[in-house]
Amino acid sequence: MNEELSVQFIKSASLVLRALGHPVRLKIIDYLQDGKKSVGEIQRTLNLSQPVTSQHLRYMYSKGIVDYLQSGTTYHYFIANEFIQKIYDCVIDSQQKIQSGEWEMESMRSMLMED
């Protein structure tokens, strides 16, 4: 182990990971990779209702996962910080390694590749 994780960091990271544990929230983070998006853009692209989209965005905002800029009545959301980006990058990297067979995780492969 390189460094010992502090209790406070473990608690904070755990809260973020739990918040990202919902498939819709990960899809939103994936969609926000290209930059700021309005609630309407997120809603239409992910085929979600406006209330569901807003609920997830408010929750992620409260956990520091996304932030927003307001322009009139339009809210544009974006990934809040590098920590969230790093977690997303780790998820993508893991998917690629499992799909390519680099990681021999047959039992995980079927679980992770379910739609």
Protein backbone atom coordinates (compact mmCIF):
# COMPACT_ATOMS: atom_id res chain seq x y z
CA MET A 1 0.00 0.00 0.00
CA ASN A 2 1.44 3.38 -0.98
CA GLU A 3 -0.22 5.59 1.56
CA GLU A 4 -2.74 4.97 4.24
CA LEU A 5 -6.16 6.40 3.41
CA SER A 6 -7.48 8.80 5.99
CA VAL A 7 -10.79 8.02 7.65
CA GLN A 8 -12.22 11.31 6.40
CA PHE A 9 -11.20 10.61 2.80
CA ILE A 10 -12.69 7.11 2.96
CA LYS A 11 -15.98 8.55 4.21
CA SER A 12 -16.04 11.23 1.51
CA ALA A 13 -15.09 8.84 -1.29
CA SER A 14 -17.69 6.35 -0.09
CA LEU A 15 -20.44 9.00 -0.34
CA VAL A 16 -19.41 9.89 -3.89
CA LEU A 17 -19.19 6.25 -4.97
CA ARG A 18 -22.62 5.52 -3.51
CA ALA A 19 -24.06 8.53 -5.33
CA LEU A 20 -22.53 7.35 -8.60
CA GLY A 21 -23.88 3.84 -8.01
CA HIS A 22 -27.08 4.49 -9.94
CA PRO A 23 -27.02 3.66 -13.68
CA VAL A 24 -28.78 6.89 -14.67
CA ARG A 25 -26.22 8.96 -12.79
CA LEU A 26 -23.33 7.22 -14.53
CA LYS A 27 -25.07 7.80 -17.88
CA ILE A 28 -25.37 11.50 -17.03
CA ILE A 29 -21.66 11.68 -16.17
CA ASP A 30 -20.89 9.89 -19.44
CA TYR A 31 -23.01 12.40 -21.37
CA LEU A 32 -21.35 15.34 -19.62
CA GLN A 33 -17.93 14.27 -20.92
CA ASP A 34 -18.42 16.61 -23.88
CA GLY A 35 -19.02 19.61 -21.63
CA LYS A 36 -21.94 21.55 -20.22
CA LYS A 37 -25.42 20.35 -21.06
CA SER A 38 -28.84 21.76 -20.24
CA VAL A 39 -31.39 19.74 -18.30
CA GLY A 40 -33.44 19.45 -21.51
CA GLU A 41 -30.48 18.11 -23.50
CA ILE A 42 -29.75 15.53 -20.82
CA GLN A 43 -33.40 14.57 -20.59
CA ARG A 44 -33.86 14.13 -24.35
CA THR A 45 -30.58 12.33 -24.99
CA LEU A 46 -31.01 9.85 -22.14
CA ASN A 47 -34.75 9.50 -22.78
CA LEU A 48 -35.72 10.47 -19.24
CA SER A 49 -38.63 12.47 -17.92
CA GLN A 50 -37.91 16.03 -16.80
CA PRO A 51 -38.69 15.28 -13.12
CA VAL A 52 -36.41 12.22 -13.06
CA THR A 53 -33.61 14.13 -14.77
CA SER A 54 -33.91 17.05 -12.37
CA GLN A 55 -34.06 14.75 -9.35
CA HIS A 56 -30.82 12.99 -10.30
CA LEU A 57 -29.07 16.26 -11.12
CA ARG A 58 -30.13 17.85 -7.82
CA TYR A 59 -28.91 14.80 -5.93
CA MET A 60 -25.56 14.77 -7.75
CA TYR A 61 -25.21 18.51 -7.17
CA SER A 62 -25.83 18.03 -3.44
CA LYS A 63 -23.00 15.46 -3.36
CA GLY A 64 -20.55 17.67 -5.29
CA ILE A 65 -20.56 15.46 -8.39
CA VAL A 66 -21.94 18.04 -10.81
CA ASP A 67 -22.16 21.80 -10.78
CA TYR A 68 -24.19 24.17 -12.94
CA LEU A 69 -24.32 27.58 -14.50
CA GLN A 70 -27.64 29.35 -14.83
CA SER A 71 -28.51 31.40 -17.88
CA GLY A 72 -31.97 32.88 -17.43
CA THR A 73 -34.20 29.93 -16.68
CA THR A 74 -31.81 27.37 -18.22
CA TYR A 75 -29.41 25.35 -16.09
CA HIS A 76 -26.29 23.92 -17.72
CA TYR A 77 -24.69 21.09 -15.77
CA PHE A 78 -21.09 19.91 -15.89
CA ILE A 79 -18.77 17.57 -14.00
CA ALA A 80 -17.77 19.33 -10.80
CA ASN A 81 -14.14 18.32 -10.36
CA GLU A 82 -11.19 16.15 -11.32
CA PHE A 83 -12.01 13.53 -8.67
CA ILE A 84 -15.29 12.71 -10.41
CA GLN A 85 -13.53 12.68 -13.79
CA LYS A 86 -10.91 10.26 -12.45
CA ILE A 87 -13.61 7.89 -11.16
CA TYR A 88 -15.33 7.99 -14.56
CA ASP A 89 -12.02 7.33 -16.33
CA CYS A 90 -11.46 4.33 -14.06
CA VAL A 91 -14.90 2.93 -14.93
CA ILE A 92 -14.21 3.33 -18.67
CA ASP A 93 -10.73 1.82 -18.37
CA SER A 94 -12.14 -1.15 -16.45
CA GLN A 95 -14.82 -1.74 -19.07
CA GLN A 96 -12.23 -1.71 -21.85
CA LYS A 97 -9.96 -4.16 -20.03
CA ILE A 98 -12.83 -6.55 -19.36
CA GLN A 99 -14.11 -6.34 -22.95
CA SER A 100 -10.65 -6.88 -24.43
CA GLY A 101 -9.99 -9.87 -22.19
CA GLU A 102 -6.99 -8.19 -20.56
CA TRP A 103 -8.68 -8.82 -17.24
CA GLU A 104 -9.73 -12.42 -16.87
CA MET A 105 -12.87 -11.87 -14.89
CA GLU A 106 -15.36 -14.19 -16.51
CA SER A 107 -17.85 -14.03 -13.64
CA MET A 108 -17.61 -10.23 -13.60
CA ARG A 109 -17.79 -9.95 -17.39
CA SER A 110 -21.31 -11.35 -17.57
CA MET A 111 -22.48 -9.20 -14.68
CA LEU A 112 -20.88 -6.02 -16.02
CA MET A 113 -22.00 -6.48 -19.60
CA GLU A 114 -25.70 -6.95 -18.86
CA ASP A 115 -27.99 -4.31 -20.31
